[in-house]
């Protein structure tokens, strides 16, 4: 299984920018009944997470590295290993939608994407 590339510039690892968001998927099925009662149960046996990740001012080389990786995993069709930069925990994830690349300055790109746990 492929791993998300390590982005570096001038020998330093590039981390995502803040705010960095992590969210648990709502995995509860709710059934409402007469009298105001609500019955709930788990939809899945585990709770999956999603992450909103933003890199700002990546140089063109790192942008091309991310773009090539997106093509490798077919924009979310295949899963890959990603290391959470806050907890250093490895997760099997996929892109929820294709990443968005914005050219913001000479040789600088902003990249924004959402990952979902597999």
C-alpha atoms as a PDB file:
ATOM      1  CA  UNK A   1       0.000   0.000   0.000  1.00  0.00           C
ATOM      2  CA  UNK A   2       1.426   3.419  -0.883  1.00  0.00           C
ATOM      3  CA  UNK A   3       2.262   6.016   1.770  1.00  0.00           C
ATOM      4  CA  UNK A   4       1.626   9.748   1.601  1.00  0.00           C
ATOM      5  CA  UNK A   5       4.908  11.430   0.622  1.00  0.00           C
ATOM      6  CA  UNK A   6       7.035  13.326   3.110  1.00  0.00           C
ATOM      7  CA  UNK A   7       7.196  16.939   1.970  1.00  0.00           C
ATOM      8  CA  UNK A   8      10.489  18.719   2.593  1.00  0.00           C
ATOM      9  CA  UNK A   9      12.057  22.038   1.722  1.00  0.00           C
ATOM     10  CA  UNK A  10      15.659  23.006   2.504  1.00  0.00           C
ATOM     11  CA  UNK A  11      16.022  19.801   4.533  1.00  0.00           C
ATOM     12  CA  UNK A  12      13.026  20.589   6.794  1.00  0.00           C
ATOM     13  CA  UNK A  13       9.851  18.533   6.910  1.00  0.00           C
ATOM     14  CA  UNK A  14       6.771  20.543   5.952  1.00  0.00           C
ATOM     15  CA  UNK A  15       3.749  20.100   8.215  1.00  0.00           C
ATOM     16  CA  UNK A  16       0.124  21.018   7.485  1.00  0.00           C
ATOM     17  CA  UNK A  17      -1.030  24.460   8.517  1.00  0.00           C
ATOM     18  CA  UNK A  18      -3.396  25.325  11.324  1.00  0.00           C
ATOM     19  CA  UNK A  19      -6.272  25.115  11.858  1.00  0.00           C
ATOM     20  CA  UNK A  20      -5.916  21.388  11.403  1.00  0.00           C
ATOM     21  CA  UNK A  21      -9.227  19.610  11.917  1.00  0.00           C
ATOM     22  CA  UNK A  22     -10.068  16.062  12.896  1.00  0.00           C
ATOM     23  CA  UNK A  23     -13.656  14.861  13.154  1.00  0.00           C
ATOM     24  CA  UNK A  24     -15.323  11.606  14.150  1.00  0.00           C
ATOM     25  CA  UNK A  25     -17.944  10.359  11.712  1.00  0.00           C
ATOM     26  CA  UNK A  26     -21.511  10.375  13.029  1.00  0.00           C
ATOM     27  CA  UNK A  27     -22.176   6.638  13.149  1.00  0.00           C
ATOM     28  CA  UNK A  28     -25.423   6.642  15.117  1.00  0.00           C
ATOM     29  CA  UNK A  29     -28.805   5.603  13.718  1.00  0.00           C
ATOM     30  CA  UNK A  30     -31.628   7.486  15.437  1.00  0.00           C
ATOM     31  CA  UNK A  31     -35.287   6.433  15.305  1.00  0.00           C
ATOM     32  CA  UNK A  32     -37.910   8.767  16.762  1.00  0.00           C
ATOM     33  CA  UNK A  33     -41.167   7.432  18.191  1.00  0.00           C
ATOM     34  CA  UNK A  34     -44.473   8.905  19.336  1.00  0.00           C
ATOM     35  CA  UNK A  35     -44.205  10.407  22.779  1.00  0.00           C
ATOM     36  CA  UNK A  36     -40.792  11.942  22.028  1.00  0.00           C
ATOM     37  CA  UNK A  37     -38.744   8.798  22.598  1.00  0.00           C
ATOM     38  CA  UNK A  38     -35.611   8.277  20.563  1.00  0.00           C
ATOM     39  CA  UNK A  39     -33.971   4.900  20.008  1.00  0.00           C
ATOM     40  CA  UNK A  40     -30.323   4.874  18.989  1.00  0.00           C
ATOM     41  CA  UNK A  41     -27.852   2.252  17.868  1.00  0.00           C
ATOM     42  CA  UNK A  42     -24.443   2.128  16.276  1.00  0.00           C
ATOM     43  CA  UNK A  43     -24.365   2.085  12.476  1.00  0.00           C
ATOM     44  CA  UNK A  44     -20.873   0.529  12.377  1.00  0.00           C
ATOM     45  CA  UNK A  45     -18.720  -1.471  14.754  1.00  0.00           C
ATOM     46  CA  UNK A  46     -16.137   1.336  14.862  1.00  0.00           C
ATOM     47  CA  UNK A  47     -16.046   5.107  14.537  1.00  0.00           C
ATOM     48  CA  UNK A  48     -14.150   6.411  11.504  1.00  0.00           C
ATOM     49  CA  UNK A  49     -12.377   9.764  11.403  1.00  0.00           C
ATOM     50  CA  UNK A  50     -11.996  12.461   8.780  1.00  0.00           C
ATOM     51  CA  UNK A  51      -9.263  15.097   8.565  1.00  0.00           C
ATOM     52  CA  UNK A  52      -9.195  18.467   6.807  1.00  0.00           C
ATOM     53  CA  UNK A  53      -5.576  19.096   5.770  1.00  0.00           C
ATOM     54  CA  UNK A  54      -4.138  22.321   4.338  1.00  0.00           C
ATOM     55  CA  UNK A  55      -0.605  22.984   3.165  1.00  0.00           C
ATOM     56  CA  UNK A  56       0.223  26.583   2.284  1.00  0.00           C
ATOM     57  CA  UNK A  57       3.028  27.956   0.149  1.00  0.00           C
ATOM     58  CA  UNK A  58       4.358  24.612  -1.087  1.00  0.00           C
ATOM     59  CA  UNK A  59       7.031  24.969  -3.738  1.00  0.00           C
ATOM     60  CA  UNK A  60       6.315  23.572  -7.191  1.00  0.00           C
ATOM     61  CA  UNK A  61       8.407  20.437  -6.577  1.00  0.00           C
ATOM     62  CA  UNK A  62       6.280  19.491  -3.536  1.00  0.00           C
ATOM     63  CA  UNK A  63       3.082  20.356  -5.404  1.00  0.00           C
ATOM     64  CA  UNK A  64       4.130  18.007  -8.212  1.00  0.00           C
ATOM     65  CA  UNK A  65       4.972  15.318  -5.647  1.00  0.00           C
ATOM     66  CA  UNK A  66       1.486  15.543  -4.117  1.00  0.00           C
ATOM     67  CA  UNK A  67      -0.126  15.686  -7.565  1.00  0.00           C
ATOM     68  CA  UNK A  68       1.737  12.558  -8.708  1.00  0.00           C
ATOM     69  CA  UNK A  69       0.716  10.779  -5.508  1.00  0.00           C
ATOM     70  CA  UNK A  70      -2.945  11.731  -6.089  1.00  0.00           C
ATOM     71  CA  UNK A  71      -2.688  10.148  -9.541  1.00  0.00           C
ATOM     72  CA  UNK A  72      -1.084   7.039  -8.028  1.00  0.00           C
ATOM     73  CA  UNK A  73      -4.056   6.500  -5.692  1.00  0.00           C
ATOM     74  CA  UNK A  74      -6.489   7.538  -8.444  1.00  0.00           C
ATOM     75  CA  UNK A  75      -7.958  10.567  -6.617  1.00  0.00           C
ATOM     76  CA  UNK A  76      -9.382   8.472  -3.799  1.00  0.00           C
ATOM     77  CA  UNK A  77     -10.149   5.140  -5.447  1.00  0.00           C
ATOM     78  CA  UNK A  78      -7.223   3.487  -3.625  1.00  0.00           C
ATOM     79  CA  UNK A  79      -6.358   3.802   0.032  1.00  0.00           C
ATOM     80  CA  UNK A  80      -2.940   4.707   1.410  1.00  0.00           C
ATOM     81  CA  UNK A  81      -1.047   5.075   4.677  1.00  0.00           C
ATOM     82  CA  UNK A  82      -0.969   8.550   6.187  1.00  0.00           C
ATOM     83  CA  UNK A  83       0.727   9.627   9.432  1.00  0.00           C
ATOM     84  CA  UNK A  84      -1.237  12.091  11.565  1.00  0.00           C
ATOM     85  CA  UNK A  85       1.191  14.986  12.106  1.00  0.00           C
ATOM     86  CA  UNK A  86      -0.180  15.730  15.581  1.00  0.00           C
ATOM     87  CA  UNK A  87      -0.276  12.231  17.115  1.00  0.00           C
ATOM     88  CA  UNK A  88       2.233  10.449  14.809  1.00  0.00           C
ATOM     89  CA  UNK A  89      -0.315   7.632  14.443  1.00  0.00           C
ATOM     90  CA  UNK A  90      -0.545   5.815  11.097  1.00  0.00           C
ATOM     91  CA  UNK A  91      -3.982   5.470   9.481  1.00  0.00           C
ATOM     92  CA  UNK A  92      -5.268   3.803   6.328  1.00  0.00           C
ATOM     93  CA  UNK A  93      -7.110   6.595   4.529  1.00  0.00           C
ATOM     94  CA  UNK A  94      -8.356   7.765   1.142  1.00  0.00           C
ATOM     95  CA  UNK A  95      -9.085  11.157  -0.382  1.00  0.00           C
ATOM     96  CA  UNK A  96     -12.742  12.066   0.132  1.00  0.00           C
ATOM     97  CA  UNK A  97     -12.542  14.291  -2.969  1.00  0.00           C
ATOM     98  CA  UNK A  98      -9.701  15.304  -5.270  1.00  0.00           C
ATOM     99  CA  UNK A  99      -7.333  17.820  -3.628  1.00  0.00           C
ATOM    100  CA  UNK A 100      -7.588  21.477  -4.611  1.00  0.00           C
ATOM    101  CA  UNK A 101      -4.372  23.164  -5.769  1.00  0.00           C
ATOM    102  CA  UNK A 102      -4.238  26.978  -5.791  1.00  0.00           C
ATOM    103  CA  UNK A 103      -1.316  28.887  -7.315  1.00  0.00           C
ATOM    104  CA  UNK A 104      -0.797  31.740  -4.829  1.00  0.00           C
ATOM    105  CA  UNK A 105       2.580  33.237  -5.723  1.00  0.00           C
ATOM    106  CA  UNK A 106       5.596  32.595  -7.877  1.00  0.00           C
ATOM    107  CA  UNK A 107       6.567  28.931  -7.343  1.00  0.00           C
ATOM    108  CA  UNK A 108       4.097  28.627  -4.409  1.00  0.00           C
ATOM    109  CA  UNK A 109       0.958  26.508  -4.128  1.00  0.00           C
ATOM    110  CA  UNK A 110      -1.732  26.007  -1.501  1.00  0.00           C
ATOM    111  CA  UNK A 111      -3.100  22.461  -1.298  1.00  0.00           C
ATOM    112  CA  UNK A 112      -6.292  21.524   0.524  1.00  0.00           C
ATOM    113  CA  UNK A 113      -7.806  18.048   0.888  1.00  0.00           C
ATOM    114  CA  UNK A 114     -10.011  15.920   3.110  1.00  0.00           C
ATOM    115  CA  UNK A 115      -9.038  12.407   4.161  1.00  0.00           C
ATOM    116  CA  UNK A 116     -11.368   9.699   5.439  1.00  0.00           C
ATOM    117  CA  UNK A 117     -10.330   6.662   7.410  1.00  0.00           C
ATOM    118  CA  UNK A 118     -10.847   3.371   5.601  1.00  0.00           C
END
